[in-house]
N, C-alpha and C. Protein backbone atom coordinates (compact mmCIF):
# COMPACT_ATOMS: atom_id res chain seq x y z
N UNK A 1 122.02 67.24 117.06
CA UNK A 1 121.72 68.65 116.44
C UNK A 1 121.99 69.74 117.59
N UNK A 2 122.71 70.89 116.95
CA UNK A 2 123.12 71.91 117.70
C UNK A 2 121.65 72.63 118.10
N UNK A 3 121.41 73.34 119.18
CA UNK A 3 120.67 74.07 119.68
C UNK A 3 120.86 75.44 119.07
N UNK A 4 119.85 75.98 118.65
CA UNK A 4 119.95 77.64 118.51
C UNK A 4 120.20 78.55 119.49
N UNK A 5 120.90 79.38 119.05
CA UNK A 5 121.41 80.37 120.04
C UNK A 5 120.32 81.30 120.62
N UNK A 6 119.78 81.47 121.92
CA UNK A 6 118.94 82.28 122.03
C UNK A 6 118.92 83.66 121.54
N UNK A 7 117.45 84.23 121.23
CA UNK A 7 117.71 85.60 120.45
C UNK A 7 118.02 86.57 121.60
N UNK A 8 118.66 87.69 121.13
CA UNK A 8 119.12 88.47 122.06
C UNK A 8 118.14 89.51 122.78
N UNK A 9 118.17 89.92 123.82
CA UNK A 9 117.25 90.29 124.56
C UNK A 9 116.67 91.59 123.81
N UNK A 10 117.75 92.34 123.45
CA UNK A 10 117.36 93.75 122.57
C UNK A 10 116.50 93.23 121.67
N UNK A 11 116.52 92.18 120.76
CA UNK A 11 116.00 91.95 119.84
C UNK A 11 114.39 91.70 120.09
N UNK A 12 114.52 90.79 121.13
CA UNK A 12 113.19 90.29 121.98
C UNK A 12 112.37 91.77 122.26
N UNK A 13 112.83 92.75 122.82
CA UNK A 13 112.39 93.85 123.41
C UNK A 13 111.57 94.51 122.39
N UNK A 14 112.30 94.79 121.01
CA UNK A 14 111.82 95.49 119.70
C UNK A 14 110.55 94.50 119.39
N UNK A 15 110.78 93.29 119.35
CA UNK A 15 109.57 92.38 118.74
C UNK A 15 108.22 92.61 119.49
N UNK A 16 108.52 92.50 120.79
CA UNK A 16 107.33 92.55 121.64
C UNK A 16 107.03 94.13 121.95
N UNK A 17 107.46 94.94 121.98
CA UNK A 17 107.26 96.19 121.85
C UNK A 17 106.48 96.71 120.40
N UNK A 18 106.89 96.16 119.45
CA UNK A 18 105.95 96.52 117.96
C UNK A 18 104.71 96.03 118.45
N UNK A 19 104.63 94.66 118.75
CA UNK A 19 103.28 93.86 118.79
C UNK A 19 102.22 94.83 119.76
N UNK A 20 103.01 95.25 120.80
CA UNK A 20 102.04 95.86 121.88
C UNK A 20 101.97 97.15 121.26
N UNK A 21 102.63 98.06 120.67
CA UNK A 21 102.42 99.30 120.16
C UNK A 21 101.37 98.65 119.11
N UNK A 22 101.39 98.30 118.19
CA UNK A 22 100.36 97.63 116.98
C UNK A 22 99.06 97.29 117.77
N UNK A 23 99.07 96.68 118.85
CA UNK A 23 97.76 96.42 119.30
C UNK A 23 96.91 97.14 119.97
N UNK A 24 97.76 98.00 120.80
CA UNK A 24 97.24 99.06 122.04
C UNK A 24 97.23 100.31 121.49
N UNK A 25 98.36 100.75 120.81
CA UNK A 25 98.80 102.18 120.41
C UNK A 25 99.83 102.51 121.30
N UNK A 26 100.88 103.23 120.86
CA UNK A 26 102.04 103.40 121.64
C UNK A 26 101.68 104.28 122.69
N UNK A 27 101.09 105.19 122.74
CA UNK A 27 100.44 106.09 124.15
C UNK A 27 99.86 105.37 125.40
N UNK A 28 99.35 104.09 124.81
CA UNK A 28 98.65 103.25 126.00
C UNK A 28 99.65 102.08 126.44
N UNK A 29 100.98 102.11 125.88
CA UNK A 29 101.73 101.03 126.31
C UNK A 29 103.02 101.58 126.95
N UNK A 30 103.29 101.34 128.29
CA UNK A 30 104.43 101.72 129.19
C UNK A 30 105.38 100.70 129.10
N UNK A 31 106.64 101.12 129.46
CA UNK A 31 107.67 100.21 129.55
C UNK A 31 107.43 99.35 130.49
N UNK A 32 106.61 99.55 131.33
CA UNK A 32 106.32 98.52 132.75
C UNK A 32 105.61 97.28 131.93
N UNK A 33 104.66 97.59 131.16
CA UNK A 33 103.86 96.68 130.68
C UNK A 33 104.81 95.94 129.63
N UNK A 34 105.88 96.50 128.94
CA UNK A 34 106.67 96.01 128.07
C UNK A 34 107.55 94.97 128.53
N UNK A 35 108.15 95.45 129.87
CA UNK A 35 109.12 94.30 130.76
C UNK A 35 108.37 93.21 131.11
N UNK A 36 106.98 93.63 131.61
CA UNK A 36 105.98 92.48 132.28
C UNK A 36 105.75 91.48 130.97
N UNK A 37 105.33 91.95 129.98
CA UNK A 37 105.37 90.85 128.60
C UNK A 37 106.23 89.98 128.70
N UNK A 38 107.63 90.59 128.59
CA UNK A 38 108.75 89.84 128.03
C UNK A 38 109.25 88.79 129.36
N UNK A 39 108.75 89.20 130.92
CA UNK A 39 109.27 88.51 131.61
C UNK A 39 110.64 88.99 132.48
N UNK A 40 111.21 90.13 132.21
CA UNK A 40 112.23 90.69 132.35
C UNK A 40 112.13 91.92 133.40
N UNK A 41 112.98 92.43 133.84
CA UNK A 41 113.06 93.36 134.96
C UNK A 41 113.19 94.90 134.04
N UNK A 42 112.39 95.64 134.84
CA UNK A 42 112.47 97.06 134.27
C UNK A 42 113.90 97.61 133.68
N UNK A 43 114.97 97.26 134.89
CA UNK A 43 115.94 97.48 134.89
C UNK A 43 116.95 96.91 133.60
N UNK A 44 116.57 95.40 133.38
CA UNK A 44 116.99 94.92 131.82
C UNK A 44 116.65 95.84 130.91
N UNK A 45 115.30 95.98 130.55
CA UNK A 45 114.75 96.83 129.63
C UNK A 45 115.38 98.34 129.37
N UNK A 46 115.87 98.81 130.52
CA UNK A 46 116.23 100.15 130.63
C UNK A 46 117.86 99.99 130.31
N UNK A 47 118.49 99.01 130.46
CA UNK A 47 119.81 98.46 130.27
C UNK A 47 119.93 98.66 128.58
N UNK A 48 119.14 98.02 127.83
CA UNK A 48 118.90 98.06 126.23
C UNK A 48 118.35 99.40 125.91
N UNK A 49 117.36 99.83 126.39
CA UNK A 49 116.59 101.26 125.53
C UNK A 49 116.14 101.91 126.72
N UNK A 50 117.40 102.79 127.12
CA UNK A 50 116.99 103.62 128.32
C UNK A 50 116.03 104.55 128.49
N UNK A 51 115.27 104.65 127.23
CA UNK A 51 113.98 105.66 127.32
C UNK A 51 113.07 105.09 126.27
N UNK A 52 111.64 105.29 126.48
CA UNK A 52 110.65 104.77 125.45
C UNK A 52 111.14 105.16 124.06
N UNK A 53 111.65 106.63 124.01
CA UNK A 53 111.83 107.05 122.44
C UNK A 53 112.68 106.17 122.02
N UNK A 54 113.84 105.74 122.56
CA UNK A 54 114.72 105.28 121.78
C UNK A 54 114.15 103.77 121.44
N UNK A 55 113.41 102.88 122.13
CA UNK A 55 112.57 101.78 121.34
C UNK A 55 111.83 102.19 120.10
N UNK A 56 111.32 103.43 120.03
CA UNK A 56 110.18 103.88 118.94
C UNK A 56 111.28 104.13 117.82
N UNK A 57 112.27 104.87 118.00
CA UNK A 57 113.33 105.15 117.04
C UNK A 57 113.51 104.12 116.53
N UNK A 58 113.89 103.13 117.41
CA UNK A 58 114.79 101.74 116.56
C UNK A 58 113.74 100.93 115.76
N UNK A 59 112.34 100.91 116.18
CA UNK A 59 111.42 100.64 115.31
C UNK A 59 111.20 101.17 114.11
N UNK A 60 111.51 102.58 114.37
CA UNK A 60 111.18 103.36 112.92
C UNK A 60 112.40 103.16 112.04
N UNK A 61 113.72 102.96 112.55
CA UNK A 61 114.70 102.68 111.56
C UNK A 61 114.24 101.32 110.94
N UNK A 62 113.62 100.47 111.52
CA UNK A 62 113.38 98.92 110.68
C UNK A 62 112.50 99.21 109.40
N UNK A 63 111.69 100.13 109.88
CA UNK A 63 110.46 100.51 108.87
C UNK A 63 110.98 101.43 107.87
N UNK A 64 111.83 102.19 108.53
CA UNK A 64 112.38 103.29 107.25
C UNK A 64 113.34 102.37 106.18
N UNK A 65 114.06 101.32 106.99
CA UNK A 65 114.79 100.72 105.78
C UNK A 65 114.33 99.62 104.99
N UNK A 66 113.13 98.99 105.65
CA UNK A 66 112.04 98.40 104.66
C UNK A 66 111.43 98.93 103.51
N UNK A 67 110.99 100.24 104.07
CA UNK A 67 110.18 100.99 103.03
C UNK A 67 111.23 101.28 102.00
N UNK A 68 112.49 101.89 102.28
CA UNK A 68 113.46 102.52 101.44
C UNK A 68 113.92 101.36 100.34
N UNK A 69 113.71 100.35 100.59
CA UNK A 69 114.09 98.91 99.66
C UNK A 69 113.01 98.84 98.75
N UNK A 70 111.83 99.01 99.48
CA UNK A 70 110.59 98.62 98.51
C UNK A 70 110.55 99.97 97.38
N UNK A 71 110.48 101.11 98.09
CA UNK A 71 110.65 102.08 96.84
C UNK A 71 111.36 102.18 95.59
N UNK A 72 112.24 101.65 95.85
CA UNK A 72 113.10 101.64 94.97
C UNK A 72 112.41 100.43 93.53
N UNK A 73 111.58 99.89 93.89
CA UNK A 73 111.05 98.74 92.95
C UNK A 73 109.78 99.79 91.96
N UNK A 74 109.75 101.17 92.47
CA UNK A 74 108.55 101.80 91.92
C UNK A 74 109.19 102.19 90.29
N UNK A 75 110.40 102.02 90.30
CA UNK A 75 111.08 102.28 88.66
C UNK A 75 110.42 101.24 87.86
N UNK A 76 110.15 100.35 88.33
CA UNK A 76 110.03 99.03 87.36
C UNK A 76 108.29 98.58 87.25
N UNK A 77 107.47 99.94 87.52
CA UNK A 77 106.28 99.70 87.49
C UNK A 77 105.70 100.12 86.11
N UNK A 78 105.03 99.30 85.28
CA UNK A 78 104.67 99.63 83.96
C UNK A 78 103.14 99.65 83.57
N UNK A 79 102.54 98.95 84.47
CA UNK A 79 100.58 98.76 84.03
C UNK A 79 100.18 98.74 85.72
N UNK A 80 99.02 98.28 85.43
CA UNK A 80 98.09 98.52 86.66
C UNK A 80 98.53 97.39 87.22
N UNK A 81 98.69 96.34 87.02
CA UNK A 81 99.05 95.00 87.59
C UNK A 81 100.25 95.23 88.57
N UNK A 82 101.45 95.55 88.04
CA UNK A 82 102.44 96.23 88.63
C UNK A 82 101.86 97.06 89.62
N UNK A 83 101.61 98.34 89.24
CA UNK A 83 101.24 99.21 90.42
C UNK A 83 100.13 98.29 91.95
N UNK A 84 99.41 97.72 91.20
CA UNK A 84 98.71 97.13 92.51
C UNK A 84 99.77 96.28 93.34
N UNK A 85 100.43 95.59 92.94
CA UNK A 85 100.96 94.78 93.55
C UNK A 85 102.09 95.46 94.48
N UNK A 86 102.72 96.58 93.81
CA UNK A 86 103.50 97.35 94.47
C UNK A 86 102.84 98.26 95.33
N UNK A 87 101.83 98.42 95.38
CA UNK A 87 100.97 99.18 96.68
C UNK A 87 100.49 98.54 97.51
N UNK A 88 100.26 97.05 97.09
CA UNK A 88 100.08 96.25 98.47
C UNK A 88 101.07 96.09 98.92
N UNK A 89 102.25 95.87 98.43
CA UNK A 89 103.26 95.56 99.17
C UNK A 89 103.69 96.85 100.37
N UNK A 90 103.36 98.07 99.84
CA UNK A 90 103.70 99.20 100.27
C UNK A 90 102.76 99.00 101.87
N UNK A 91 101.31 98.81 101.62
CA UNK A 91 100.73 98.71 102.55
C UNK A 91 101.00 97.79 103.38
N UNK A 92 101.52 96.71 103.01
CA UNK A 92 102.05 95.48 104.12
C UNK A 92 102.99 96.14 105.03
N UNK A 93 103.92 96.95 104.66
CA UNK A 93 104.84 97.39 105.60
C UNK A 93 104.37 98.38 106.19
N UNK A 94 103.38 99.37 105.94
CA UNK A 94 102.68 100.42 106.58
C UNK A 94 102.17 99.18 107.73
N UNK A 95 101.54 98.35 107.61
CA UNK A 95 100.65 97.43 108.28
C UNK A 95 101.52 96.76 109.46
N UNK A 96 102.50 96.26 108.97
CA UNK A 96 103.56 95.81 110.08
C UNK A 96 103.83 96.71 110.95
N UNK A 97 103.96 97.96 110.71
CA UNK A 97 104.34 99.15 111.45
C UNK A 97 103.35 100.24 111.93
N UNK A 98 102.07 99.70 111.98
CA UNK A 98 101.27 100.57 111.86
C UNK A 98 100.90 101.51 113.05
N UNK A 99 101.64 101.18 114.12
CA UNK A 99 101.30 101.88 115.11
C UNK A 99 101.89 103.39 114.80
N UNK A 100 102.86 103.37 114.01
CA UNK A 100 103.49 104.81 113.49
C UNK A 100 102.34 105.42 112.80
N UNK A 101 101.42 104.83 112.13
CA UNK A 101 100.36 105.89 111.57
C UNK A 101 99.14 105.64 112.32
N UNK A 102 98.84 104.99 113.09
CA UNK A 102 97.93 104.81 114.10
C UNK A 102 97.74 106.23 114.81
N UNK A 103 99.07 106.60 115.33
CA UNK A 103 99.47 107.48 116.21
C UNK A 103 100.16 108.76 115.97
N UNK A 104 100.42 108.71 114.56
CA UNK A 104 101.32 109.48 113.87
C UNK A 104 101.49 111.09 114.50
N UNK A 105 100.12 111.79 114.51
CA UNK A 105 100.50 113.26 114.95
C UNK A 105 100.69 113.08 116.61
N UNK A 106 100.61 112.18 117.13
CA UNK A 106 100.99 112.22 118.36
C UNK A 106 102.31 111.92 118.56
N UNK A 107 102.77 110.97 118.03
CA UNK A 107 104.54 110.65 117.63
C UNK A 107 105.17 111.84 117.46
N UNK A 108 104.84 112.49 116.26
CA UNK A 108 105.51 113.70 115.84
C UNK A 108 105.64 114.91 116.82
N UNK A 109 104.41 114.99 117.57
CA UNK A 109 104.41 115.93 118.44
C UNK A 109 105.42 116.02 119.69
N UNK A 110 105.78 114.67 120.19
CA UNK A 110 106.52 114.42 121.15
C UNK A 110 108.18 113.81 120.82
N UNK A 111 108.20 113.52 119.49
CA UNK A 111 109.54 113.05 119.37
C UNK A 111 110.03 113.93 118.07
N UNK A 112 111.03 114.39 118.17
CA UNK A 112 111.72 115.29 117.21
C UNK A 112 112.62 114.72 116.42
N UNK A 113 112.81 113.51 116.30
CA UNK A 113 113.41 112.66 115.26
C UNK A 113 112.55 112.43 114.75
N UNK A 114 111.40 111.71 115.04
CA UNK A 114 110.46 111.32 114.07
C UNK A 114 109.92 112.66 113.23
N UNK A 115 109.63 113.35 114.03
CA UNK A 115 109.24 114.65 113.15
C UNK A 115 109.92 115.00 111.85
N UNK A 116 111.13 114.84 111.92
CA UNK A 116 112.11 115.38 110.88
C UNK A 116 112.12 114.43 109.87
N UNK A 117 112.30 112.74 110.43
CA UNK A 117 112.67 111.85 109.70
C UNK A 117 111.34 111.59 108.91
N UNK A 118 109.87 111.74 109.32
CA UNK A 118 108.81 111.44 108.74
C UNK A 118 108.65 112.63 107.47
N UNK A 119 109.05 113.89 107.61
CA UNK A 119 109.47 114.45 106.54
C UNK A 119 110.06 113.86 105.40
N UNK A 120 111.10 113.18 105.46
CA UNK A 120 111.76 112.46 104.54
C UNK A 120 111.21 111.40 103.74
N UNK A 121 110.56 110.51 104.95
CA UNK A 121 109.55 109.63 104.20
C UNK A 121 108.30 109.98 103.30
N UNK A 122 107.97 111.18 103.54
CA UNK A 122 107.05 111.76 102.56
C UNK A 122 107.43 112.30 101.49
N UNK A 123 108.46 112.58 101.32
CA UNK A 123 109.69 112.96 100.21
C UNK A 123 109.88 111.71 99.19
N UNK A 124 110.18 110.60 100.15
CA UNK A 124 110.56 109.63 99.32
C UNK A 124 109.41 108.62 98.63
N UNK A 125 108.27 108.51 99.62
CA UNK A 125 107.16 108.31 99.08
C UNK A 125 106.69 108.93 97.74
N UNK A 126 106.65 110.28 97.92
CA UNK A 126 106.14 111.59 96.78
C UNK A 126 107.26 110.80 95.53
N UNK A 127 108.31 110.87 95.65
CA UNK A 127 109.35 110.64 94.71
C UNK A 127 108.95 109.27 93.79
N UNK A 128 108.82 108.14 94.58
CA UNK A 128 108.48 107.19 94.35
C UNK A 128 107.23 106.77 93.76
N UNK A 129 106.19 107.48 93.90
CA UNK A 129 104.81 107.47 93.20
C UNK A 129 105.10 108.49 91.86
N UNK A 130 105.94 109.28 92.03
CA UNK A 130 106.30 110.13 90.66
C UNK A 130 106.88 109.26 89.94
N UNK A 131 107.54 108.39 89.95
CA UNK A 131 108.40 107.54 89.21
C UNK A 131 107.62 106.40 88.87
N UNK A 132 106.62 105.99 89.46
CA UNK A 132 105.43 105.15 89.24
C UNK A 132 104.62 105.46 88.01
N UNK A 133 104.41 106.90 88.17
CA UNK A 133 103.37 107.48 87.32
C UNK A 133 104.10 107.69 85.97
N UNK A 134 105.33 108.44 85.95
CA UNK A 134 105.96 108.41 84.90
C UNK A 134 106.25 107.02 84.02
N UNK A 135 107.01 106.00 84.77
CA UNK A 135 106.84 104.86 84.12
C UNK A 135 105.87 104.26 83.07
N UNK A 136 104.32 104.36 83.82
CA UNK A 136 103.07 103.91 83.34
C UNK A 136 102.69 104.87 82.14
N UNK A 137 103.22 106.08 82.42
CA UNK A 137 102.76 107.12 81.31
C UNK A 137 103.61 106.70 79.99
N UNK A 138 105.13 106.24 79.93
CA UNK A 138 105.79 105.80 79.15
C UNK A 138 105.22 104.62 78.39
N UNK A 139 105.04 103.83 79.14
CA UNK A 139 104.55 102.47 78.94
C UNK A 139 103.05 102.50 77.99
N UNK A 140 102.20 103.93 78.42
CA UNK A 140 100.95 104.06 77.55
C UNK A 140 99.94 103.34 78.44
N UNK A 141 100.40 103.17 79.70
CA UNK A 141 99.20 102.68 80.57
C UNK A 141 98.11 103.60 81.06
N UNK A 142 98.83 105.07 81.11
CA UNK A 142 97.99 106.36 81.57
C UNK A 142 98.23 106.99 80.78
N UNK A 143 97.25 108.16 80.48
CA UNK A 143 97.40 109.29 79.59
C UNK A 143 97.57 110.38 80.70
N UNK A 144 98.53 110.90 80.96
CA UNK A 144 98.71 112.07 82.25
C UNK A 144 99.39 113.28 81.82
N UNK A 145 98.88 114.31 81.83
CA UNK A 145 99.51 115.72 81.22
C UNK A 145 100.64 115.67 82.53
N UNK A 146 101.51 116.29 82.11
CA UNK A 146 102.75 116.58 82.94
C UNK A 146 102.28 117.39 84.13
N UNK A 147 101.56 118.59 83.86
CA UNK A 147 100.97 119.33 84.83
C UNK A 147 100.18 118.38 85.79
N UNK A 148 99.71 117.26 85.47
CA UNK A 148 98.78 116.54 86.51
C UNK A 148 99.81 115.52 87.21
N UNK A 149 101.05 115.47 86.96
CA UNK A 149 101.31 114.46 87.72
C UNK A 149 101.58 114.63 89.23
N UNK A 150 102.27 115.90 89.31
CA UNK A 150 102.61 116.33 90.84
C UNK A 150 101.23 116.37 91.88
N UNK A 151 100.27 116.90 91.37
CA UNK A 151 99.24 116.71 92.28
C UNK A 151 98.46 115.32 92.12
N UNK A 152 98.87 114.68 91.52
CA UNK A 152 98.34 113.49 91.20
C UNK A 152 98.80 112.32 92.39
N UNK A 153 100.40 112.46 92.31
CA UNK A 153 101.21 111.87 92.94
C UNK A 153 100.99 112.52 94.49
N UNK A 154 100.81 113.59 94.81
CA UNK A 154 100.74 114.07 96.39
C UNK A 154 99.37 113.27 96.62
N UNK A 155 98.20 113.54 96.18
CA UNK A 155 96.78 112.66 96.59
C UNK A 155 97.30 111.21 96.97
N UNK A 156 97.97 110.75 95.58
CA UNK A 156 98.05 109.37 96.27
C UNK A 156 98.85 108.97 97.74
N UNK A 157 99.95 109.76 97.88
CA UNK A 157 100.77 109.92 99.25
C UNK A 157 99.72 110.18 99.97
N UNK A 158 98.68 110.97 100.22
CA UNK A 158 97.90 111.52 101.28
C UNK A 158 97.20 110.28 101.60
N UNK A 159 96.71 109.48 100.58
CA UNK A 159 96.08 108.39 100.89
C UNK A 159 97.10 107.11 101.47
N UNK A 160 98.06 107.01 100.86
CA UNK A 160 99.01 106.17 101.64
C UNK A 160 99.20 106.51 102.91
N UNK A 161 99.47 107.72 103.27
CA UNK A 161 99.75 108.33 104.78
C UNK A 161 98.45 107.97 105.71
N UNK A 162 97.42 108.11 105.08
CA UNK A 162 96.38 108.30 106.03
C UNK A 162 95.26 107.30 106.26
N UNK A 163 95.51 106.14 105.08
CA UNK A 163 94.27 105.61 104.93
C UNK A 163 94.19 104.53 106.24
N UNK A 164 95.38 104.13 107.07
CA UNK A 164 94.93 103.27 108.00
C UNK A 164 94.15 104.32 109.16
N UNK A 165 94.27 105.26 109.40
CA UNK A 165 93.72 106.20 110.10
C UNK A 165 92.03 106.41 109.63
N UNK A 166 91.82 106.42 108.24
CA UNK A 166 90.64 106.12 108.10
C UNK A 166 90.04 104.84 108.37
N UNK A 167 90.67 103.56 107.95
CA UNK A 167 90.18 102.54 108.42
C UNK A 167 89.95 102.45 110.10
N UNK A 168 90.93 103.22 110.75
CA UNK A 168 90.69 102.90 112.21
C UNK A 168 89.61 103.81 112.97
N UNK A 169 89.30 105.14 112.01
CA UNK A 169 87.93 105.58 112.70
C UNK A 169 86.43 105.12 112.02
N UNK A 170 86.75 104.30 111.08
CA UNK A 170 85.40 103.66 110.63
C UNK A 170 85.38 102.19 111.70
N UNK A 171 86.00 101.86 112.36
CA UNK A 171 85.72 100.44 113.23
C UNK A 171 87.07 100.75 114.27
N UNK A 172 86.90 101.59 115.40
CA UNK A 172 88.25 101.64 116.35
C UNK A 172 88.62 100.41 116.97
N UNK A 173 87.37 99.61 117.31
CA UNK A 173 87.82 98.09 118.11
C UNK A 173 88.20 97.46 117.35
N UNK A 174 88.09 97.18 116.03
CA UNK A 174 88.52 96.02 115.12
C UNK A 174 89.64 96.33 114.00
N UNK A 175 89.51 97.64 113.48
CA UNK A 175 90.17 97.97 112.50
C UNK A 175 91.49 97.53 112.17
N UNK A 176 92.54 97.79 113.20
CA UNK A 176 93.76 97.70 112.89
C UNK A 176 94.08 95.97 113.66
N UNK A 177 93.10 95.39 113.83
CA UNK A 177 93.44 93.86 114.45
C UNK A 177 93.92 92.76 113.32
N UNK A 178 94.94 91.91 113.50
CA UNK A 178 95.34 90.94 112.52
C UNK A 178 94.42 90.52 111.72
N UNK A 179 93.26 90.15 112.12
CA UNK A 179 92.11 89.20 111.21
C UNK A 179 91.93 90.25 110.10
N UNK A 180 92.10 91.60 110.14
CA UNK A 180 91.68 92.62 109.58
C UNK A 180 92.62 92.87 108.56
N UNK A 181 93.56 92.57 108.69
CA UNK A 181 94.96 93.35 107.84
C UNK A 181 94.73 93.20 106.24
N UNK A 182 94.13 91.84 105.69
CA UNK A 182 94.04 91.56 104.37
C UNK A 182 93.17 92.29 103.67
N UNK A 183 92.01 92.46 104.25
CA UNK A 183 90.99 93.31 103.51
C UNK A 183 91.46 94.76 103.46
N UNK A 184 91.81 95.39 104.67
CA UNK A 184 92.58 96.58 104.86
C UNK A 184 93.50 97.05 104.01
N UNK A 185 94.46 96.14 103.53
CA UNK A 185 95.49 96.44 102.69
C UNK A 185 94.84 96.46 101.25
N UNK A 186 94.10 95.51 100.56
CA UNK A 186 93.50 95.36 99.43
C UNK A 186 92.50 96.92 99.33
N UNK A 187 91.86 96.84 100.22
CA UNK A 187 91.12 98.31 100.05
C UNK A 187 92.03 99.51 99.98
N UNK A 188 92.95 99.44 100.68
CA UNK A 188 93.76 100.55 100.57
C UNK A 188 94.86 101.10 99.43
N UNK A 189 95.08 99.84 98.81
CA UNK A 189 95.92 99.59 97.07
C UNK A 189 94.46 99.88 96.32
N UNK A 190 93.13 99.50 96.15
CA UNK A 190 92.43 99.99 95.35
C UNK A 190 91.87 101.43 95.50
N UNK A 191 92.11 101.95 96.66
CA UNK A 191 91.29 103.27 96.57
C UNK A 191 92.40 104.18 96.09
N UNK A 192 93.96 103.76 96.13
CA UNK A 192 94.91 104.41 95.67
C UNK A 192 94.87 104.60 94.13
N UNK A 193 94.81 103.37 93.87
CA UNK A 193 94.47 103.07 92.40
C UNK A 193 93.50 103.67 91.60
N UNK A 194 92.36 103.73 92.25
CA UNK A 194 91.30 104.51 91.75
C UNK A 194 91.22 105.89 91.71
N UNK A 195 92.09 106.53 91.93
CA UNK A 195 92.67 107.88 91.67
C UNK A 195 93.18 107.77 89.90
N UNK A 196 93.79 106.77 89.73
CA UNK A 196 94.48 106.83 88.54
C UNK A 196 93.17 106.61 87.40
N UNK A 197 91.93 106.27 87.68
CA UNK A 197 90.98 105.66 86.76
C UNK A 197 91.12 106.31 85.81
N UNK A 198 90.55 107.74 86.20
CA UNK A 198 90.61 108.80 84.71
C UNK A 198 91.39 108.61 83.92
N UNK A 199 92.71 108.31 83.81
CA UNK A 199 93.72 108.59 83.28
C UNK A 199 94.15 107.10 82.59
N UNK A 200 93.64 106.02 82.91
CA UNK A 200 94.16 104.83 82.34
C UNK A 200 93.64 104.64 80.77
N UNK A 201 94.35 103.80 80.24
CA UNK A 201 93.86 103.50 79.15
C UNK A 201 92.66 102.53 79.40
N UNK A 202 92.32 102.36 78.02
CA UNK A 202 90.78 101.43 78.22
C UNK A 202 91.04 99.90 78.79
N UNK A 203 92.07 99.18 78.24
CA UNK A 203 92.37 97.98 78.48
C UNK A 203 92.96 98.10 79.95
N UNK A 204 93.46 98.97 80.56
CA UNK A 204 94.06 99.07 81.85
C UNK A 204 93.14 99.29 83.07
N UNK A 205 92.05 99.90 82.45
CA UNK A 205 90.97 100.35 83.50
C UNK A 205 90.01 99.03 83.68
N UNK A 206 89.95 98.42 82.45
CA UNK A 206 89.18 97.31 82.46
C UNK A 206 89.87 96.09 83.54
N UNK A 207 91.07 95.98 83.12
CA UNK A 207 92.01 95.02 83.81
C UNK A 207 92.02 95.72 85.72
N UNK A 208 92.00 96.77 85.99
CA UNK A 208 91.72 97.34 87.39
C UNK A 208 90.45 96.78 87.85
N UNK A 209 89.57 96.61 87.11
CA UNK A 209 88.03 96.40 87.56
C UNK A 209 88.09 95.04 87.80
N UNK A 210 88.99 94.12 86.75
CA UNK A 210 88.78 92.70 87.28
C UNK A 210 89.53 92.17 88.62
N UNK A 211 90.96 92.97 88.49
CA UNK A 211 91.94 92.63 89.58
C UNK A 211 90.81 92.84 90.91
N UNK A 212 90.31 94.23 91.02
CA UNK A 212 89.42 94.37 92.02
C UNK A 212 88.27 93.44 92.62
N UNK A 213 87.67 92.92 91.31
CA UNK A 213 86.49 91.96 91.71
C UNK A 213 87.20 90.58 92.21
N UNK A 214 88.26 90.67 91.32
CA UNK A 214 89.02 88.99 91.97
C UNK A 214 89.40 89.04 93.33
N UNK A 215 89.72 90.01 93.75
CA UNK A 215 90.45 90.18 95.26
C UNK A 215 89.15 90.43 96.09
N UNK A 216 88.04 91.13 95.70
CA UNK A 216 87.01 91.39 96.51
C UNK A 216 86.02 90.07 96.74
N UNK A 217 86.00 89.35 95.66
CA UNK A 217 85.42 87.95 95.59
C UNK A 217 86.24 86.36 95.23
N UNK A 218 87.22 86.37 96.16
CA UNK A 218 88.19 85.45 95.86
C UNK A 218 87.40 83.95 95.57
N UNK A 219 87.95 83.12 94.80
CA UNK A 219 87.31 81.63 94.81
C UNK A 219 87.44 80.83 95.58
């Protein structure tokens, strides 16, 4: 049986950096810590990523690519259940790269590339949520006046962007630990969808309550 080729060092550096950034927060992780965790010399790390910002930017590129692929699925959302799974999938990507959201303001203040690219992220999220709302409206799942669409989409994007910050403030020592991922993601999806409750068709509103209950009280 042929042996698998060892993973490239650059790939391993990104994986370990992401894990450390997520666990401790990007400002608290030095390149020395990263190289020590990998068991490589700082010089080897610098060979692949001469600056810490290059590590962060490379991880952002991965996040942005995964996010962009998912956002395209918003065109197919027609009801509460579609929206629930779309939002849960969106929060899964946010969770995978949660250091970006945990340290968002600090990162944007130090990294010009992220400052400009995250504005694009917000625009793409807003565009996708508008598409989601329009699809649900056409399908009769929600009754939303055209004048309410834009402010509703903006409110949903605010929650999508800052939900993990709220989770972190509630419980700084444990909120962003892997064991809490599922509950945090479900709460996030639920709260975003609850913004639509006043506009949902009666059957869809009942279905949202059933979905929420099922996930909060699994069999």
